């Protein structure tokens, strides 16, 4: 058993443990016993901090969101610099955190959190896509990318590149892979 922790710290530990259990063992083995064992407390102790298992999953989603959107959006005045910063930060986050990588792009976590969780995960996708589209539109208005590039489709391609890097395990190859991927995106922009 672990030592008694302040409530907020324990809630954070439980949420992080839930993420780890889902990522490593899947939803089939996502039990209160597995979460409690990961934290080092009894499963009954979980419910001193959360009213239900779904609340634990929602707290886990909040933890993922905190990490995905830390420092978001980038503040550079140049839209293409903002876009590159976003791409590299998101790649580093999911590349350096296998739990985030497995869950941010899967349907497992929102499925475990019900309708509210599904809406929350969809909002991550929407915010990310809206940001990329805004950067592309701003760069197009400045004449910095070829005319006629459909901003939404470019946004989907940029986010899809990140997803592909995760799905195929390419982020484990390091910064050189991210550099090559970003270079391909820049070629699309005629840069």
N, C-alpha and C. Protein backbone atom coordinates (compact mmCIF):
# COMPACT_ATOMS: atom_id res chain seq x y z
N UNK A 1 0.83 -1.19 0.00
CA UNK A 1 0.00 0.00 0.00
C UNK A 1 0.88 1.25 0.00
N UNK A 2 0.41 2.26 -0.69
CA UNK A 2 1.15 3.52 -0.71
C UNK A 2 0.66 4.41 0.42
N UNK A 3 1.47 5.38 0.76
CA UNK A 3 1.12 6.32 1.83
C UNK A 3 -0.08 7.16 1.42
N UNK A 4 -0.77 7.64 2.40
CA UNK A 4 -1.91 8.51 2.17
C UNK A 4 -1.47 9.77 1.42
N UNK A 5 -2.23 10.17 0.42
CA UNK A 5 -1.90 11.32 -0.42
C UNK A 5 -3.03 12.36 -0.33
N UNK A 6 -2.70 13.63 -0.58
CA UNK A 6 -3.78 14.62 -0.69
C UNK A 6 -4.75 14.20 -1.81
N UNK A 7 -5.99 14.55 -1.66
CA UNK A 7 -7.04 14.11 -2.57
C UNK A 7 -6.72 14.40 -4.03
N UNK A 8 -6.33 15.60 -4.36
CA UNK A 8 -6.05 15.93 -5.77
C UNK A 8 -4.89 15.11 -6.32
N UNK A 9 -3.86 14.92 -5.51
CA UNK A 9 -2.73 14.10 -5.96
C UNK A 9 -3.17 12.66 -6.19
N UNK A 10 -3.96 12.13 -5.29
CA UNK A 10 -4.43 10.75 -5.43
C UNK A 10 -5.34 10.62 -6.65
N UNK A 11 -6.20 11.59 -6.87
CA UNK A 11 -7.08 11.55 -8.06
C UNK A 11 -6.24 11.52 -9.34
N UNK A 12 -5.18 12.32 -9.37
CA UNK A 12 -4.28 12.36 -10.53
C UNK A 12 -3.59 11.00 -10.71
N UNK A 13 -3.15 10.40 -9.60
CA UNK A 13 -2.50 9.09 -9.66
C UNK A 13 -3.47 8.03 -10.20
N UNK A 14 -4.69 8.09 -9.74
CA UNK A 14 -5.70 7.12 -10.18
C UNK A 14 -5.98 7.31 -11.67
N UNK A 15 -6.14 8.55 -12.10
CA UNK A 15 -6.39 8.81 -13.53
C UNK A 15 -5.23 8.33 -14.38
N UNK A 16 -4.01 8.60 -13.95
CA UNK A 16 -2.83 8.15 -14.70
C UNK A 16 -2.75 6.62 -14.72
N UNK A 17 -3.09 6.00 -13.59
CA UNK A 17 -3.09 4.53 -13.54
C UNK A 17 -4.15 3.96 -14.49
N UNK A 18 -5.30 4.61 -14.56
CA UNK A 18 -6.36 4.16 -15.48
C UNK A 18 -5.86 4.23 -16.92
N UNK A 19 -5.17 5.32 -17.27
CA UNK A 19 -4.60 5.43 -18.62
C UNK A 19 -3.64 4.30 -18.91
N UNK A 20 -2.79 4.02 -17.95
CA UNK A 20 -1.78 2.98 -18.13
C UNK A 20 -2.43 1.61 -18.29
N UNK A 21 -3.42 1.32 -17.47
CA UNK A 21 -4.10 0.03 -17.56
C UNK A 21 -4.78 -0.13 -18.91
N UNK A 22 -5.51 0.90 -19.34
CA UNK A 22 -6.20 0.82 -20.64
C UNK A 22 -5.19 0.65 -21.77
N UNK A 23 -4.12 1.44 -21.73
CA UNK A 23 -3.13 1.38 -22.80
C UNK A 23 -2.40 0.05 -22.85
N UNK A 24 -2.05 -0.49 -21.69
CA UNK A 24 -1.23 -1.71 -21.66
C UNK A 24 -2.06 -2.99 -21.69
N UNK A 25 -3.27 -2.94 -21.13
CA UNK A 25 -4.05 -4.18 -21.01
C UNK A 25 -5.35 -4.15 -21.79
N UNK A 26 -5.76 -2.98 -22.27
CA UNK A 26 -7.00 -2.87 -23.02
C UNK A 26 -8.21 -2.76 -22.11
N UNK A 27 -9.34 -2.45 -22.73
CA UNK A 27 -10.57 -2.28 -21.95
C UNK A 27 -11.05 -3.58 -21.32
N UNK A 28 -10.72 -4.70 -21.92
CA UNK A 28 -11.16 -5.99 -21.37
C UNK A 28 -10.62 -6.26 -19.98
N UNK A 29 -9.46 -5.69 -19.68
CA UNK A 29 -8.85 -5.88 -18.36
C UNK A 29 -8.84 -4.60 -17.54
N UNK A 30 -9.63 -3.65 -17.96
CA UNK A 30 -9.73 -2.37 -17.26
C UNK A 30 -10.72 -2.54 -16.11
N UNK A 31 -10.18 -2.86 -14.96
CA UNK A 31 -11.02 -3.09 -13.78
C UNK A 31 -10.55 -2.18 -12.65
N UNK A 32 -11.41 -2.03 -11.67
CA UNK A 32 -11.01 -1.23 -10.51
C UNK A 32 -9.86 -1.91 -9.79
N UNK A 33 -9.84 -3.24 -9.79
CA UNK A 33 -8.73 -3.95 -9.15
C UNK A 33 -7.41 -3.65 -9.85
N UNK A 34 -7.42 -3.61 -11.19
CA UNK A 34 -6.19 -3.32 -11.94
C UNK A 34 -5.71 -1.90 -11.68
N UNK A 35 -6.65 -0.96 -11.63
CA UNK A 35 -6.29 0.44 -11.36
C UNK A 35 -5.70 0.56 -9.95
N UNK A 36 -6.40 -0.03 -8.99
CA UNK A 36 -5.95 0.04 -7.60
C UNK A 36 -4.57 -0.58 -7.44
N UNK A 37 -4.35 -1.72 -8.09
CA UNK A 37 -3.03 -2.37 -8.00
C UNK A 37 -1.95 -1.48 -8.57
N UNK A 38 -2.25 -0.79 -9.64
CA UNK A 38 -1.27 0.11 -10.27
C UNK A 38 -0.91 1.26 -9.32
N UNK A 39 -1.90 1.77 -8.59
CA UNK A 39 -1.67 2.87 -7.66
C UNK A 39 -1.08 2.37 -6.34
N UNK A 40 -1.42 1.14 -5.98
CA UNK A 40 -0.95 0.59 -4.72
C UNK A 40 -1.93 0.84 -3.58
N UNK A 41 -3.22 0.85 -3.91
CA UNK A 41 -4.27 1.03 -2.91
C UNK A 41 -5.32 -0.06 -3.12
N UNK A 42 -6.29 -0.14 -2.24
CA UNK A 42 -7.38 -1.10 -2.42
C UNK A 42 -8.38 -0.55 -3.43
N UNK A 43 -9.11 -1.46 -4.07
CA UNK A 43 -10.08 -0.96 -5.04
C UNK A 43 -11.20 -0.18 -4.36
N UNK A 44 -11.49 -0.48 -3.11
CA UNK A 44 -12.48 0.31 -2.38
C UNK A 44 -12.03 1.74 -2.17
N UNK A 45 -10.72 1.93 -2.05
CA UNK A 45 -10.19 3.28 -1.85
C UNK A 45 -10.40 4.17 -3.08
N UNK A 46 -10.51 3.55 -4.25
CA UNK A 46 -10.76 4.33 -5.47
C UNK A 46 -12.03 5.16 -5.33
N UNK A 47 -13.02 4.55 -4.70
CA UNK A 47 -14.33 5.18 -4.63
C UNK A 47 -14.46 6.20 -3.51
N UNK A 48 -13.37 6.43 -2.80
CA UNK A 48 -13.32 7.60 -1.92
C UNK A 48 -13.02 8.84 -2.74
N UNK A 49 -12.45 8.62 -3.90
CA UNK A 49 -12.02 9.73 -4.76
C UNK A 49 -12.91 9.91 -5.99
N UNK A 50 -13.58 8.85 -6.42
CA UNK A 50 -14.45 8.90 -7.60
C UNK A 50 -15.73 8.15 -7.30
N UNK A 51 -16.84 8.65 -7.83
CA UNK A 51 -18.13 8.02 -7.58
C UNK A 51 -18.34 6.77 -8.42
N UNK A 52 -17.65 6.68 -9.55
CA UNK A 52 -17.85 5.53 -10.44
C UNK A 52 -16.61 5.30 -11.30
N UNK A 53 -16.60 4.15 -11.94
CA UNK A 53 -15.52 3.83 -12.87
C UNK A 53 -15.52 4.81 -14.05
N UNK A 54 -16.71 5.19 -14.51
CA UNK A 54 -16.80 6.16 -15.61
C UNK A 54 -16.16 7.49 -15.22
N UNK A 55 -16.34 7.91 -13.97
CA UNK A 55 -15.70 9.15 -13.51
C UNK A 55 -14.18 9.03 -13.54
N UNK A 56 -13.67 7.86 -13.27
CA UNK A 56 -12.22 7.64 -13.35
C UNK A 56 -11.76 7.81 -14.80
N UNK A 57 -12.52 7.25 -15.72
CA UNK A 57 -12.16 7.37 -17.14
C UNK A 57 -12.24 8.83 -17.57
N UNK A 58 -13.25 9.55 -17.12
CA UNK A 58 -13.35 10.98 -17.47
C UNK A 58 -12.17 11.76 -16.92
N UNK A 59 -11.73 11.42 -15.73
CA UNK A 59 -10.54 12.08 -15.17
C UNK A 59 -9.30 11.73 -16.00
N UNK A 60 -9.24 10.49 -16.48
CA UNK A 60 -8.13 10.08 -17.34
C UNK A 60 -8.15 10.87 -18.65
N UNK A 61 -9.33 11.08 -19.20
CA UNK A 61 -9.46 11.90 -20.40
C UNK A 61 -8.98 13.32 -20.15
N UNK A 62 -9.32 13.85 -18.99
CA UNK A 62 -8.85 15.20 -18.64
C UNK A 62 -7.33 15.26 -18.60
N UNK A 63 -6.70 14.19 -18.09
CA UNK A 63 -5.23 14.14 -18.03
C UNK A 63 -4.63 14.11 -19.44
N UNK A 64 -5.24 13.34 -20.33
CA UNK A 64 -4.76 13.30 -21.72
C UNK A 64 -4.91 14.68 -22.35
N UNK A 65 -6.05 15.31 -22.13
CA UNK A 65 -6.29 16.63 -22.71
C UNK A 65 -5.29 17.66 -22.19
N UNK A 66 -4.99 17.61 -20.90
CA UNK A 66 -3.99 18.53 -20.33
C UNK A 66 -2.67 18.42 -21.09
N UNK A 67 -2.28 17.20 -21.36
CA UNK A 67 -1.00 16.97 -22.03
C UNK A 67 -1.05 17.35 -23.50
N UNK A 68 -2.14 16.99 -24.18
CA UNK A 68 -2.26 17.30 -25.60
C UNK A 68 -2.31 18.80 -25.88
N UNK A 69 -2.91 19.55 -24.97
CA UNK A 69 -3.13 20.97 -25.23
C UNK A 69 -2.32 21.89 -24.34
N UNK A 70 -1.30 21.36 -23.70
CA UNK A 70 -0.39 22.20 -22.91
C UNK A 70 0.33 23.16 -23.87
N UNK A 71 0.22 24.45 -23.63
CA UNK A 71 0.87 25.44 -24.48
C UNK A 71 0.19 25.62 -25.83
N UNK A 72 -1.03 25.20 -25.96
CA UNK A 72 -1.77 25.27 -27.22
C UNK A 72 -2.70 26.47 -27.17
N UNK A 73 -2.81 27.20 -28.24
CA UNK A 73 -2.06 27.11 -29.48
C UNK A 73 -0.72 27.84 -29.39
N UNK A 74 0.23 27.44 -30.23
CA UNK A 74 1.51 28.15 -30.24
C UNK A 74 1.27 29.63 -30.58
N UNK A 75 2.13 30.50 -30.07
CA UNK A 75 1.86 31.94 -30.16
C UNK A 75 2.63 32.69 -31.24
N UNK A 76 3.40 32.02 -32.07
CA UNK A 76 4.19 32.71 -33.09
C UNK A 76 3.29 33.45 -34.09
N UNK A 77 3.69 34.63 -34.53
CA UNK A 77 2.85 35.36 -35.50
C UNK A 77 2.83 34.71 -36.89
N UNK A 78 3.82 33.90 -37.20
CA UNK A 78 3.90 33.25 -38.51
C UNK A 78 3.07 31.96 -38.49
N UNK A 79 2.04 31.85 -39.35
CA UNK A 79 1.16 30.67 -39.30
C UNK A 79 1.89 29.37 -39.62
N UNK A 80 2.88 29.41 -40.49
CA UNK A 80 3.60 28.18 -40.82
C UNK A 80 4.54 27.76 -39.71
N UNK A 81 5.09 28.73 -38.99
CA UNK A 81 5.91 28.42 -37.81
C UNK A 81 5.01 27.83 -36.72
N UNK A 82 3.83 28.41 -36.54
CA UNK A 82 2.87 27.86 -35.55
C UNK A 82 2.51 26.42 -35.90
N UNK A 83 2.26 26.19 -37.18
CA UNK A 83 1.88 24.85 -37.62
C UNK A 83 3.02 23.86 -37.40
N UNK A 84 4.23 24.25 -37.74
CA UNK A 84 5.38 23.35 -37.52
C UNK A 84 5.57 23.09 -36.03
N UNK A 85 5.43 24.13 -35.23
CA UNK A 85 5.57 23.95 -33.77
C UNK A 85 4.54 22.95 -33.25
N UNK A 86 3.30 23.13 -33.67
CA UNK A 86 2.22 22.21 -33.28
C UNK A 86 2.58 20.78 -33.67
N UNK A 87 3.00 20.59 -34.92
CA UNK A 87 3.33 19.27 -35.45
C UNK A 87 4.44 18.62 -34.63
N UNK A 88 5.50 19.37 -34.39
CA UNK A 88 6.65 18.81 -33.67
C UNK A 88 6.33 18.54 -32.19
N UNK A 89 5.61 19.45 -31.56
CA UNK A 89 5.25 19.25 -30.14
C UNK A 89 4.33 18.05 -30.00
N UNK A 90 3.33 17.95 -30.88
CA UNK A 90 2.41 16.82 -30.80
C UNK A 90 3.14 15.51 -31.09
N UNK A 91 4.05 15.52 -32.07
CA UNK A 91 4.84 14.31 -32.37
C UNK A 91 5.71 13.92 -31.18
N UNK A 92 6.34 14.90 -30.55
CA UNK A 92 7.19 14.61 -29.39
C UNK A 92 6.36 14.06 -28.23
N UNK A 93 5.18 14.62 -28.03
CA UNK A 93 4.33 14.16 -26.94
C UNK A 93 3.91 12.71 -27.14
N UNK A 94 3.35 12.42 -28.29
CA UNK A 94 2.88 11.06 -28.50
C UNK A 94 4.04 10.09 -28.70
N UNK A 95 5.16 10.58 -29.22
CA UNK A 95 6.33 9.72 -29.37
C UNK A 95 6.99 9.40 -28.05
N UNK A 96 6.95 10.35 -27.12
CA UNK A 96 7.60 10.15 -25.83
C UNK A 96 6.70 9.58 -24.76
N UNK A 97 5.43 9.44 -25.07
CA UNK A 97 4.49 8.94 -24.08
C UNK A 97 3.62 7.86 -24.72
N UNK A 98 4.02 6.61 -24.61
CA UNK A 98 3.27 5.54 -25.28
C UNK A 98 1.81 5.46 -24.86
N UNK A 99 1.51 5.84 -23.63
CA UNK A 99 0.12 5.81 -23.19
C UNK A 99 -0.70 6.80 -24.00
N UNK A 100 -0.21 8.03 -24.13
CA UNK A 100 -0.91 9.05 -24.91
C UNK A 100 -1.01 8.59 -26.36
N UNK A 101 0.08 8.06 -26.89
CA UNK A 101 0.11 7.63 -28.28
C UNK A 101 -0.97 6.59 -28.55
N UNK A 102 -1.11 5.62 -27.67
CA UNK A 102 -2.08 4.56 -27.90
C UNK A 102 -3.51 5.04 -27.71
N UNK A 103 -3.70 5.99 -26.83
CA UNK A 103 -5.07 6.37 -26.49
C UNK A 103 -5.59 7.60 -27.23
N UNK A 104 -4.73 8.55 -27.53
CA UNK A 104 -5.20 9.78 -28.16
C UNK A 104 -5.80 9.52 -29.53
N UNK A 105 -5.34 8.47 -30.20
CA UNK A 105 -5.81 8.19 -31.55
C UNK A 105 -6.65 6.93 -31.62
N UNK A 106 -7.13 6.45 -30.48
CA UNK A 106 -7.95 5.24 -30.49
C UNK A 106 -9.37 5.58 -30.05
N UNK A 107 -10.22 4.62 -30.21
CA UNK A 107 -11.61 4.79 -29.76
C UNK A 107 -11.85 4.11 -28.42
N UNK A 108 -10.83 3.46 -27.87
CA UNK A 108 -11.00 2.73 -26.62
C UNK A 108 -11.37 3.62 -25.45
N UNK A 109 -10.61 4.69 -25.27
CA UNK A 109 -10.83 5.54 -24.11
C UNK A 109 -12.19 6.23 -24.14
N UNK A 110 -12.58 6.88 -25.24
CA UNK A 110 -13.91 7.51 -25.22
C UNK A 110 -15.03 6.48 -25.07
N UNK A 111 -14.84 5.28 -25.60
CA UNK A 111 -15.85 4.24 -25.47
C UNK A 111 -16.08 3.91 -23.99
N UNK A 112 -15.02 3.89 -23.20
CA UNK A 112 -15.12 3.57 -21.78
C UNK A 112 -15.74 4.71 -20.98
N UNK A 113 -15.77 5.91 -21.54
CA UNK A 113 -16.26 7.08 -20.80
C UNK A 113 -17.66 7.51 -21.22
N UNK A 114 -18.31 6.74 -22.07
CA UNK A 114 -19.67 7.07 -22.45
C UNK A 114 -19.75 8.27 -23.37
N UNK A 115 -20.94 8.80 -23.48
CA UNK A 115 -21.22 9.91 -24.41
C UNK A 115 -20.38 11.15 -24.10
N UNK A 116 -20.26 11.48 -22.83
CA UNK A 116 -19.46 12.67 -22.46
C UNK A 116 -18.00 12.49 -22.90
N UNK A 117 -17.46 11.32 -22.67
CA UNK A 117 -16.08 11.06 -23.08
C UNK A 117 -15.93 11.11 -24.59
N UNK A 118 -16.89 10.57 -25.31
CA UNK A 118 -16.83 10.60 -26.78
C UNK A 118 -16.85 12.04 -27.28
N UNK A 119 -17.69 12.87 -26.67
CA UNK A 119 -17.74 14.30 -27.06
C UNK A 119 -16.42 14.99 -26.75
N UNK A 120 -15.82 14.67 -25.61
CA UNK A 120 -14.56 15.29 -25.23
C UNK A 120 -13.46 14.94 -26.22
N UNK A 121 -13.35 13.66 -26.58
CA UNK A 121 -12.32 13.25 -27.53
C UNK A 121 -12.58 13.88 -28.90
N UNK A 122 -13.84 13.95 -29.30
CA UNK A 122 -14.16 14.60 -30.59
C UNK A 122 -13.75 16.07 -30.55
N UNK A 123 -13.90 16.71 -29.40
CA UNK A 123 -13.49 18.12 -29.29
C UNK A 123 -11.99 18.27 -29.48
N UNK A 124 -11.19 17.28 -29.04
CA UNK A 124 -9.73 17.34 -29.26
C UNK A 124 -9.45 17.33 -30.75
N UNK A 125 -10.12 16.42 -31.45
CA UNK A 125 -9.92 16.30 -32.89
C UNK A 125 -10.32 17.58 -33.59
N UNK A 126 -11.47 18.12 -33.19
CA UNK A 126 -11.97 19.35 -33.81
C UNK A 126 -11.04 20.53 -33.55
N UNK A 127 -10.59 20.69 -32.30
CA UNK A 127 -9.68 21.81 -31.97
C UNK A 127 -8.38 21.70 -32.75
N UNK A 128 -7.85 20.50 -32.84
CA UNK A 128 -6.60 20.30 -33.57
C UNK A 128 -6.78 20.59 -35.05
N UNK A 129 -7.83 20.05 -35.65
CA UNK A 129 -8.08 20.28 -37.07
C UNK A 129 -8.37 21.75 -37.34
N UNK A 130 -9.18 22.37 -36.50
CA UNK A 130 -9.48 23.80 -36.69
C UNK A 130 -8.21 24.64 -36.64
N UNK A 131 -7.30 24.30 -35.75
CA UNK A 131 -6.04 25.03 -35.64
C UNK A 131 -5.23 24.89 -36.92
N UNK A 132 -5.07 23.67 -37.41
CA UNK A 132 -4.28 23.45 -38.63
C UNK A 132 -4.93 24.17 -39.81
N UNK A 133 -6.24 24.05 -39.95
CA UNK A 133 -6.95 24.71 -41.05
C UNK A 133 -6.75 26.22 -40.97
N UNK A 134 -6.85 26.80 -39.78
CA UNK A 134 -6.66 28.26 -39.63
C UNK A 134 -5.25 28.67 -40.05
N UNK A 135 -4.25 27.87 -39.68
CA UNK A 135 -2.87 28.17 -40.08
C UNK A 135 -2.73 28.15 -41.60
N UNK A 136 -3.31 27.12 -42.23
CA UNK A 136 -3.22 26.99 -43.69
C UNK A 136 -3.95 28.15 -44.36
N UNK A 137 -5.14 28.48 -43.88
CA UNK A 137 -5.90 29.60 -44.47
C UNK A 137 -5.15 30.92 -44.32
N UNK A 138 -4.55 31.14 -43.17
CA UNK A 138 -3.79 32.37 -42.95
C UNK A 138 -2.58 32.44 -43.87
N UNK A 139 -1.87 31.33 -44.01
CA UNK A 139 -0.70 31.29 -44.90
C UNK A 139 -1.13 31.50 -46.35
N UNK A 140 -2.27 30.93 -46.74
CA UNK A 140 -2.78 31.13 -48.11
C UNK A 140 -3.14 32.59 -48.34
N UNK A 141 -3.77 33.22 -47.36
CA UNK A 141 -4.15 34.64 -47.49
C UNK A 141 -2.91 35.52 -47.62
N UNK A 142 -1.81 35.09 -47.04
CA UNK A 142 -0.55 35.84 -47.14
C UNK A 142 0.22 35.50 -48.41
N UNK A 143 -0.31 34.57 -49.22
CA UNK A 143 0.37 34.16 -50.45
C UNK A 143 1.61 33.32 -50.20
N UNK A 144 1.67 32.64 -49.07
CA UNK A 144 2.87 31.89 -48.70
C UNK A 144 2.80 30.42 -49.05
N UNK A 145 1.65 29.97 -49.51
CA UNK A 145 1.51 28.60 -49.98
C UNK A 145 0.79 28.66 -51.33
N UNK A 146 0.91 27.62 -52.14
CA UNK A 146 0.27 27.65 -53.46
C UNK A 146 -1.23 27.89 -53.35
N UNK A 147 -1.76 28.69 -54.25
CA UNK A 147 -3.21 28.94 -54.23
C UNK A 147 -3.97 27.65 -54.56
N UNK A 148 -5.15 27.56 -54.03
CA UNK A 148 -6.00 26.43 -54.34
C UNK A 148 -5.85 25.20 -53.46
N UNK A 149 -4.91 25.23 -52.51
CA UNK A 149 -4.80 24.09 -51.60
C UNK A 149 -6.03 24.10 -50.69
N UNK A 150 -6.78 23.02 -50.67
CA UNK A 150 -7.97 22.99 -49.79
C UNK A 150 -7.54 22.86 -48.33
N UNK A 151 -7.80 23.87 -47.55
CA UNK A 151 -7.29 23.95 -46.18
C UNK A 151 -7.74 22.78 -45.31
N UNK A 152 -8.99 22.40 -45.42
CA UNK A 152 -9.47 21.30 -44.57
C UNK A 152 -8.78 19.99 -44.93
N UNK A 153 -8.63 19.72 -46.21
CA UNK A 153 -7.98 18.49 -46.64
C UNK A 153 -6.51 18.49 -46.22
N UNK A 154 -5.86 19.64 -46.30
CA UNK A 154 -4.48 19.74 -45.84
C UNK A 154 -4.43 19.47 -44.34
N UNK A 155 -5.39 20.02 -43.60
CA UNK A 155 -5.45 19.77 -42.16
C UNK A 155 -5.58 18.30 -41.83
N UNK A 156 -6.46 17.62 -42.56
CA UNK A 156 -6.64 16.18 -42.35
C UNK A 156 -5.34 15.45 -42.67
N UNK A 157 -4.65 15.87 -43.73
CA UNK A 157 -3.39 15.23 -44.10
C UNK A 157 -2.32 15.43 -43.03
N UNK A 158 -2.22 16.64 -42.48
CA UNK A 158 -1.22 16.92 -41.44
C UNK A 158 -1.50 16.06 -40.21
N UNK A 159 -2.74 16.04 -39.76
CA UNK A 159 -3.09 15.23 -38.59
C UNK A 159 -2.96 13.74 -38.91
N UNK A 160 -3.31 13.37 -40.13
CA UNK A 160 -3.16 11.97 -40.55
C UNK A 160 -1.71 11.52 -40.55
N UNK A 161 -0.81 12.43 -40.88
CA UNK A 161 0.61 12.12 -40.84
C UNK A 161 1.04 11.78 -39.41
N UNK A 162 0.57 12.56 -38.46
CA UNK A 162 0.88 12.27 -37.06
C UNK A 162 0.32 10.91 -36.64
N UNK A 163 -0.92 10.65 -37.03
CA UNK A 163 -1.54 9.37 -36.68
C UNK A 163 -0.77 8.22 -37.30
N UNK A 164 -0.37 8.38 -38.55
CA UNK A 164 0.38 7.31 -39.22
C UNK A 164 1.72 7.07 -38.53
N UNK A 165 2.40 8.13 -38.11
CA UNK A 165 3.67 7.96 -37.40
C UNK A 165 3.47 7.15 -36.13
N UNK A 166 2.37 7.38 -35.45
CA UNK A 166 2.06 6.63 -34.22
C UNK A 166 1.70 5.19 -34.57
N UNK A 167 0.78 5.02 -35.48
CA UNK A 167 0.27 3.68 -35.81
C UNK A 167 1.37 2.74 -36.30
N UNK A 168 2.30 3.28 -37.05
CA UNK A 168 3.35 2.43 -37.60
C UNK A 168 4.61 2.44 -36.75
N UNK A 169 4.54 3.06 -35.58
CA UNK A 169 5.66 3.03 -34.66
C UNK A 169 6.86 3.84 -35.11
N UNK A 170 6.65 4.74 -36.04
CA UNK A 170 7.76 5.50 -36.60
C UNK A 170 8.32 6.53 -35.63
N UNK A 171 7.53 7.00 -34.68
CA UNK A 171 8.04 8.01 -33.75
C UNK A 171 9.15 7.46 -32.87
N UNK A 172 9.17 6.14 -32.71
CA UNK A 172 10.24 5.53 -31.94
C UNK A 172 11.59 5.70 -32.64
N UNK A 173 11.55 5.98 -33.93
CA UNK A 173 12.79 6.19 -34.70
C UNK A 173 13.46 7.51 -34.38
N UNK A 174 12.74 8.40 -33.70
CA UNK A 174 13.34 9.65 -33.25
C UNK A 174 13.03 10.86 -34.11
N UNK A 175 13.79 11.92 -33.83
CA UNK A 175 13.56 13.22 -34.45
C UNK A 175 13.75 13.20 -35.96
N UNK A 176 14.63 12.35 -36.45
CA UNK A 176 14.88 12.31 -37.90
C UNK A 176 13.60 11.94 -38.66
N UNK A 177 12.80 11.06 -38.10
CA UNK A 177 11.55 10.67 -38.75
C UNK A 177 10.58 11.84 -38.75
N UNK A 178 10.50 12.56 -37.68
CA UNK A 178 9.63 13.73 -37.61
C UNK A 178 10.12 14.78 -38.60
N UNK A 179 11.43 14.97 -38.69
CA UNK A 179 11.99 15.92 -39.65
C UNK A 179 11.58 15.55 -41.07
N UNK A 180 11.69 14.27 -41.42
CA UNK A 180 11.32 13.84 -42.78
C UNK A 180 9.83 14.04 -43.03
N UNK A 181 9.02 13.71 -42.03
CA UNK A 181 7.57 13.87 -42.19
C UNK A 181 7.23 15.35 -42.36
N UNK A 182 7.83 16.22 -41.56
CA UNK A 182 7.55 17.64 -41.69
C UNK A 182 8.05 18.16 -43.04
N UNK A 183 9.16 17.66 -43.50
CA UNK A 183 9.69 18.05 -44.80
C UNK A 183 8.68 17.74 -45.92
N UNK A 184 8.02 16.61 -45.81
CA UNK A 184 6.99 16.27 -46.80
C UNK A 184 5.82 17.24 -46.75
N UNK A 185 5.42 17.62 -45.55
CA UNK A 185 4.35 18.59 -45.40
C UNK A 185 4.77 19.92 -46.04
N UNK A 186 6.01 20.33 -45.80
CA UNK A 186 6.48 21.59 -46.37
C UNK A 186 6.48 21.53 -47.90
N UNK A 187 6.82 20.39 -48.47
CA UNK A 187 6.79 20.26 -49.94
C UNK A 187 5.38 20.50 -50.48
N UNK A 188 4.40 20.03 -49.74
CA UNK A 188 3.01 20.27 -50.14
C UNK A 188 2.74 21.77 -50.22
N UNK A 189 3.38 22.51 -49.31
CA UNK A 189 3.21 23.96 -49.28
C UNK A 189 4.10 24.66 -50.30
N UNK A 190 4.87 23.89 -51.05
CA UNK A 190 5.77 24.50 -52.05
C UNK A 190 6.98 25.16 -51.41
N UNK A 191 7.41 24.67 -50.27
CA UNK A 191 8.53 25.27 -49.55
C UNK A 191 9.72 24.36 -49.57
